[in-house]
C-alpha atoms as a PDB file:
ATOM      1  CA  MET A   1     -25.247  19.544  41.942  1.00  0.00           C
ATOM      2  CA  THR A   2     -26.014  22.044  38.915  1.00  0.00           C
ATOM      3  CA  SER A   3     -23.626  24.572  37.837  1.00  0.00           C
ATOM      4  CA  GLU A   4     -25.433  27.210  39.570  1.00  0.00           C
ATOM      5  CA  ASP A   5     -25.278  25.568  42.649  1.00  0.00           C
ATOM      6  CA  ASN A   6     -21.298  25.576  42.391  1.00  0.00           C
ATOM      7  CA  ASP A   7     -21.252  29.196  40.704  1.00  0.00           C
ATOM      8  CA  LEU A   8     -22.891  30.735  44.302  1.00  0.00           C
ATOM      9  CA  GLU A   9     -21.225  28.387  46.366  1.00  0.00           C
ATOM     10  CA  ALA A  10     -17.640  30.074  44.499  1.00  0.00           C
ATOM     11  CA  ALA A  11     -19.243  33.236  44.898  1.00  0.00           C
ATOM     12  CA  ALA A  12     -19.573  32.486  48.941  1.00  0.00           C
ATOM     13  CA  ALA A  13     -16.613  30.877  48.555  1.00  0.00           C
ATOM     14  CA  ALA A  14     -14.323  34.029  47.234  1.00  0.00           C
ATOM     15  CA  LEU A  15     -16.533  36.481  49.255  1.00  0.00           C
ATOM     16  CA  ARG A  16     -15.193  35.617  52.177  1.00  0.00           C
ATOM     17  CA  GLU A  17     -11.694  35.699  51.196  1.00  0.00           C
ATOM     18  CA  ALA A  18     -12.182  38.835  50.610  1.00  0.00           C
ATOM     19  CA  GLN A  19     -13.355  39.928  53.866  1.00  0.00           C
ATOM     20  CA  ALA A  20     -10.199  37.822  55.400  1.00  0.00           C
ATOM     21  CA  ALA A  21      -8.408  40.371  53.603  1.00  0.00           C
ATOM     22  CA  VAL A  22      -9.969  43.241  54.094  1.00  0.00           C
ATOM     23  CA  HIS A  23      -9.854  42.632  57.592  1.00  0.00           C
ATOM     24  CA  ALA A  24      -6.258  41.426  57.220  1.00  0.00           C
ATOM     25  CA  ALA A  25      -5.553  44.437  55.258  1.00  0.00           C
ATOM     26  CA  ARG A  26      -7.215  46.814  57.967  1.00  0.00           C
ATOM     27  CA  ARG A  27      -5.175  45.340  61.124  1.00  0.00           C
ATOM     28  CA  GLN A  28      -1.830  46.555  58.243  1.00  0.00           C
ATOM     29  CA  LEU A  29      -2.998  50.210  58.130  1.00  0.00           C
ATOM     30  CA  THR A  30      -4.055  50.443  61.767  1.00  0.00           C
ATOM     31  CA  ALA A  31      -0.522  49.082  62.679  1.00  0.00           C
ATOM     32  CA  ALA A  32       1.694  51.754  60.378  1.00  0.00           C
ATOM     33  CA  VAL A  33      -1.165  54.553  61.291  1.00  0.00           C
ATOM     34  CA  VAL A  34       0.132  53.408  64.974  1.00  0.00           C
ATOM     35  CA  ALA A  35       3.404  53.444  63.958  1.00  0.00           C
ATOM     36  CA  ALA A  36       3.795  57.217  62.242  1.00  0.00           C
ATOM     37  CA  TYR A  37       1.853  58.623  64.986  1.00  0.00           C
ATOM     38  CA  GLN A  38       3.573  57.336  67.380  1.00  0.00           C
ATOM     39  CA  ALA A  39       6.605  58.561  65.614  1.00  0.00           C
ATOM     40  CA  GLY A  40       4.860  62.330  65.176  1.00  0.00           C
ATOM     41  CA  GLN A  41       3.156  62.625  62.038  1.00  0.00           C
ATOM     42  CA  SER A  42      -0.042  64.465  62.893  1.00  0.00           C
ATOM     43  CA  ALA A  43      -3.258  63.283  62.486  1.00  0.00           C
ATOM     44  CA  ALA A  44      -3.563  65.154  59.347  1.00  0.00           C
ATOM     45  CA  ARG A  45      -0.543  64.144  57.895  1.00  0.00           C
ATOM     46  CA  ILE A  46      -0.995  60.375  58.045  1.00  0.00           C
ATOM     47  CA  ALA A  47      -4.914  61.129  56.832  1.00  0.00           C
ATOM     48  CA  GLU A  48      -3.383  63.184  53.456  1.00  0.00           C
ATOM     49  CA  ARG A  49      -0.813  60.219  53.204  1.00  0.00           C
ATOM     50  CA  THR A  50      -3.356  57.846  53.527  1.00  0.00           C
ATOM     51  CA  GLY A  51      -6.202  58.997  51.405  1.00  0.00           C
ATOM     52  CA  THR A  52      -8.803  58.728  54.377  1.00  0.00           C
ATOM     53  CA  SER A  53     -10.408  61.595  56.096  1.00  0.00           C
ATOM     54  CA  ILE A  54      -8.752  63.436  59.601  1.00  0.00           C
ATOM     55  CA  ILE A  55     -11.490  61.528  61.296  1.00  0.00           C
ATOM     56  CA  GLU A  56     -10.903  58.240  60.312  1.00  0.00           C
ATOM     57  CA  ILE A  57      -7.580  58.842  61.141  1.00  0.00           C
ATOM     58  CA  ARG A  58      -8.607  60.536  64.827  1.00  0.00           C
ATOM     59  CA  ASN A  59     -11.169  56.999  65.191  1.00  0.00           C
ATOM     60  CA  LEU A  60      -8.504  54.617  64.036  1.00  0.00           C
ATOM     61  CA  LEU A  61      -6.468  55.943  67.082  1.00  0.00           C
ATOM     62  CA  ALA A  62      -9.108  56.402  69.566  1.00  0.00           C
ATOM     63  CA  ALA A  63     -10.037  52.565  68.978  1.00  0.00           C
ATOM     64  CA  ALA A  64      -6.748  51.796  69.271  1.00  0.00           C
ATOM     65  CA  GLN A  65      -6.506  53.709  72.620  1.00  0.00           C
ATOM     66  CA  THR A  66      -2.622  55.403  71.330  1.00  0.00           C
ATOM     67  CA  SER A  67      -1.168  57.836  72.988  1.00  0.00           C
ATOM     68  CA  ARG A  68       1.409  59.876  71.280  1.00  0.00           C
ATOM     69  CA  ARG A  69       3.931  58.053  74.271  1.00  0.00           C
ATOM     70  CA  THR A  70       5.466  54.680  72.922  1.00  0.00           C
ATOM     71  CA  SER A  71       4.932  53.375  76.491  1.00  0.00           C
ATOM     72  CA  ARG A  72       3.418  53.915  79.875  1.00  0.00           C
END
């Protein structure tokens, strides 16, 4: 293998690791947003605190099927 082949494989491996880290961070953010929302914080306040839009927060809460109630 040439150096270019090694560079390509190393770059692909680094990309896979970065993607896994992004997925893990997204799961952590989702859990934190859900917890904050269930604790009574508004979607607008959560968006402000996380530096995201209220639409993104509402979409995240909808995808997680979250309500203010902690149990049904």
